[in-house]
Amino acid sequence: MTPVQKKVRQYLAAIGHRGGLASRRELTKSHARQMVAIREARRAAKKAGKPWPPRDPKSRKLLKLS
């Protein structure tokens, strides 16, 4: 590799490292469980041929979508 390529590679690595640190997030247990519940509900709705997101307010409230 030429010296210019090495510098470009170092620069891009630094940018990627900063972006990776900024985009990290920590999930609480309750939020992770809620995400899983929504994913499973979406999967079940698609399998049953129902619309997603659910149209009835009760289901929306249970999943905390509204």
N, C-alpha and C. Protein backbone atom coordinates (compact mmCIF):
# COMPACT_ATOMS: atom_id res chain seq x y z
N MET A 1 0.84 -1.18 0.00
CA MET A 1 0.00 0.00 0.00
C MET A 1 0.89 1.24 0.00
N THR A 2 0.41 2.22 -0.71
CA THR A 2 1.14 3.49 -0.75
C THR A 2 0.84 4.29 0.53
N PRO A 3 1.68 5.26 0.83
CA PRO A 3 1.43 6.09 2.03
C PRO A 3 0.07 6.80 1.99
N VAL A 4 -0.36 7.22 0.80
CA VAL A 4 -1.66 7.90 0.69
C VAL A 4 -2.78 6.92 1.04
N GLN A 5 -2.69 5.70 0.53
CA GLN A 5 -3.71 4.70 0.83
C GLN A 5 -3.76 4.39 2.33
N LYS A 6 -2.59 4.35 2.97
CA LYS A 6 -2.56 4.09 4.41
C LYS A 6 -3.25 5.21 5.18
N LYS A 7 -3.01 6.46 4.77
CA LYS A 7 -3.63 7.59 5.46
C LYS A 7 -5.15 7.57 5.26
N VAL A 8 -5.58 7.26 4.04
CA VAL A 8 -7.02 7.19 3.78
C VAL A 8 -7.65 6.08 4.61
N ARG A 9 -6.97 4.96 4.69
CA ARG A 9 -7.47 3.83 5.47
C ARG A 9 -7.59 4.19 6.95
N GLN A 10 -6.58 4.88 7.49
CA GLN A 10 -6.62 5.31 8.88
C GLN A 10 -7.76 6.31 9.12
N TYR A 11 -7.94 7.22 8.18
CA TYR A 11 -9.00 8.22 8.30
C TYR A 11 -10.37 7.56 8.32
N LEU A 12 -10.60 6.64 7.39
CA LEU A 12 -11.89 5.96 7.33
C LEU A 12 -12.12 5.09 8.57
N ALA A 13 -11.05 4.48 9.09
CA ALA A 13 -11.17 3.68 10.30
C ALA A 13 -11.57 4.55 11.49
N ALA A 14 -11.01 5.76 11.55
CA ALA A 14 -11.33 6.68 12.65
C ALA A 14 -12.80 7.11 12.57
N ILE A 15 -13.26 7.41 11.37
CA ILE A 15 -14.66 7.80 11.19
C ILE A 15 -15.58 6.65 11.59
N GLY A 16 -15.27 5.46 11.15
CA GLY A 16 -16.09 4.29 11.48
C GLY A 16 -16.12 4.02 12.97
N HIS A 17 -14.99 4.22 13.63
CA HIS A 17 -14.93 3.99 15.06
C HIS A 17 -15.82 4.99 15.80
N ARG A 18 -15.76 6.25 15.41
CA ARG A 18 -16.60 7.28 16.05
C ARG A 18 -18.08 6.99 15.83
N GLY A 19 -18.43 6.62 14.60
CA GLY A 19 -19.82 6.32 14.29
C GLY A 19 -20.33 5.13 15.08
N GLY A 20 -19.49 4.13 15.22
CA GLY A 20 -19.88 2.95 15.98
C GLY A 20 -20.13 3.26 17.44
N LEU A 21 -19.32 4.15 18.00
CA LEU A 21 -19.52 4.52 19.40
C LEU A 21 -20.78 5.35 19.57
N ALA A 22 -21.06 6.23 18.63
CA ALA A 22 -22.22 7.12 18.74
C ALA A 22 -23.53 6.36 18.56
N SER A 23 -23.52 5.31 17.75
CA SER A 23 -24.78 4.63 17.43
C SER A 23 -25.13 3.54 18.43
N ARG A 24 -24.27 3.29 19.41
CA ARG A 24 -24.57 2.25 20.38
C ARG A 24 -25.67 2.71 21.31
N ARG A 25 -26.47 1.76 21.70
CA ARG A 25 -27.52 2.07 22.66
C ARG A 25 -27.63 0.92 23.64
N GLU A 26 -28.07 1.24 24.81
CA GLU A 26 -28.25 0.20 25.82
C GLU A 26 -29.74 0.01 26.05
N LEU A 27 -30.16 -1.23 25.98
CA LEU A 27 -31.57 -1.55 26.17
C LEU A 27 -31.81 -1.99 27.60
N THR A 28 -32.91 -1.53 28.14
CA THR A 28 -33.33 -2.05 29.43
C THR A 28 -34.03 -3.38 29.20
N LYS A 29 -34.16 -4.17 30.24
CA LYS A 29 -34.84 -5.46 30.09
C LYS A 29 -36.26 -5.28 29.61
N SER A 30 -36.94 -4.29 30.18
CA SER A 30 -38.35 -4.10 29.82
C SER A 30 -38.49 -3.66 28.36
N HIS A 31 -37.59 -2.80 27.89
CA HIS A 31 -37.67 -2.35 26.51
C HIS A 31 -37.36 -3.50 25.55
N ALA A 32 -36.39 -4.32 25.89
CA ALA A 32 -36.06 -5.48 25.06
C ALA A 32 -37.24 -6.44 24.98
N ARG A 33 -37.90 -6.67 26.11
CA ARG A 33 -39.07 -7.56 26.12
C ARG A 33 -40.20 -6.99 25.28
N GLN A 34 -40.37 -5.67 25.35
CA GLN A 34 -41.42 -5.03 24.55
C GLN A 34 -41.12 -5.17 23.06
N MET A 35 -39.86 -5.01 22.68
CA MET A 35 -39.48 -5.17 21.28
C MET A 35 -39.77 -6.58 20.80
N VAL A 36 -39.47 -7.57 21.63
CA VAL A 36 -39.72 -8.97 21.27
C VAL A 36 -41.21 -9.21 21.14
N ALA A 37 -42.01 -8.65 22.05
CA ALA A 37 -43.46 -8.84 22.00
C ALA A 37 -44.04 -8.26 20.71
N ILE A 38 -43.55 -7.08 20.32
CA ILE A 38 -44.03 -6.46 19.08
C ILE A 38 -43.63 -7.30 17.88
N ARG A 39 -42.40 -7.79 17.88
CA ARG A 39 -41.93 -8.63 16.76
C ARG A 39 -42.76 -9.89 16.63
N GLU A 40 -43.05 -10.54 17.76
CA GLU A 40 -43.85 -11.76 17.73
C GLU A 40 -45.29 -11.47 17.30
N ALA A 41 -45.84 -10.35 17.74
CA ALA A 41 -47.20 -9.98 17.35
C ALA A 41 -47.26 -9.70 15.85
N ARG A 42 -46.24 -9.03 15.33
CA ARG A 42 -46.19 -8.74 13.89
C ARG A 42 -46.11 -10.03 13.09
N ARG A 43 -45.28 -10.94 13.56
CA ARG A 43 -45.12 -12.23 12.87
C ARG A 43 -46.43 -13.01 12.87
N ALA A 44 -47.11 -13.03 14.03
CA ALA A 44 -48.39 -13.75 14.12
C ALA A 44 -49.46 -13.11 13.25
N ALA A 45 -49.47 -11.77 13.21
CA ALA A 45 -50.48 -11.08 12.39
C ALA A 45 -50.27 -11.36 10.91
N LYS A 46 -49.02 -11.32 10.47
CA LYS A 46 -48.74 -11.60 9.06
C LYS A 46 -49.11 -13.03 8.70
N LYS A 47 -48.82 -13.96 9.62
CA LYS A 47 -49.13 -15.36 9.36
C LYS A 47 -50.64 -15.58 9.27
N ALA A 48 -51.41 -14.83 10.08
CA ALA A 48 -52.86 -14.97 10.08
C ALA A 48 -53.52 -14.14 8.98
N GLY A 49 -52.73 -13.36 8.26
CA GLY A 49 -53.27 -12.55 7.17
C GLY A 49 -53.95 -11.28 7.64
N LYS A 50 -53.64 -10.84 8.85
CA LYS A 50 -54.24 -9.62 9.40
C LYS A 50 -53.32 -8.43 9.12
N PRO A 51 -53.90 -7.22 9.14
CA PRO A 51 -53.07 -6.04 8.86
C PRO A 51 -52.13 -5.72 10.03
N TRP A 52 -51.00 -5.15 9.69
CA TRP A 52 -50.07 -4.68 10.71
C TRP A 52 -49.74 -3.24 10.41
N PRO A 53 -49.78 -2.33 11.33
CA PRO A 53 -50.11 -2.48 12.75
C PRO A 53 -51.59 -2.71 12.96
N PRO A 54 -51.96 -3.28 14.12
CA PRO A 54 -53.37 -3.58 14.35
C PRO A 54 -54.23 -2.33 14.33
N ARG A 55 -55.45 -2.48 13.82
CA ARG A 55 -56.34 -1.33 13.67
C ARG A 55 -57.16 -1.06 14.93
N ASP A 56 -57.39 -2.11 15.75
CA ASP A 56 -58.22 -1.89 16.93
C ASP A 56 -57.40 -1.28 18.08
N PRO A 57 -57.97 -0.30 18.76
CA PRO A 57 -57.24 0.42 19.82
C PRO A 57 -56.77 -0.46 20.97
N LYS A 58 -57.53 -1.53 21.28
CA LYS A 58 -57.16 -2.40 22.39
C LYS A 58 -55.81 -3.07 22.14
N SER A 59 -55.62 -3.60 20.95
CA SER A 59 -54.35 -4.26 20.61
C SER A 59 -53.22 -3.25 20.58
N ARG A 60 -53.49 -2.08 20.06
CA ARG A 60 -52.47 -1.03 20.00
C ARG A 60 -52.02 -0.64 21.41
N LYS A 61 -53.00 -0.58 22.32
CA LYS A 61 -52.67 -0.19 23.70
C LYS A 61 -51.86 -1.28 24.39
N LEU A 62 -52.21 -2.55 24.17
CA LEU A 62 -51.48 -3.65 24.77
C LEU A 62 -50.02 -3.67 24.32
N LEU A 63 -49.80 -3.37 23.05
CA LEU A 63 -48.44 -3.36 22.49
C LEU A 63 -47.74 -2.01 22.68
N LYS A 64 -48.45 -1.04 23.24
CA LYS A 64 -47.92 0.30 23.48
C LYS A 64 -47.46 0.94 22.19
N LEU A 65 -48.30 0.83 21.14
CA LEU A 65 -47.97 1.42 19.84
C LEU A 65 -48.53 2.82 19.69
N SER A 66 -49.51 3.20 20.49
CA SER A 66 -50.11 4.52 20.32
C SER A 66 -49.71 5.46 21.44
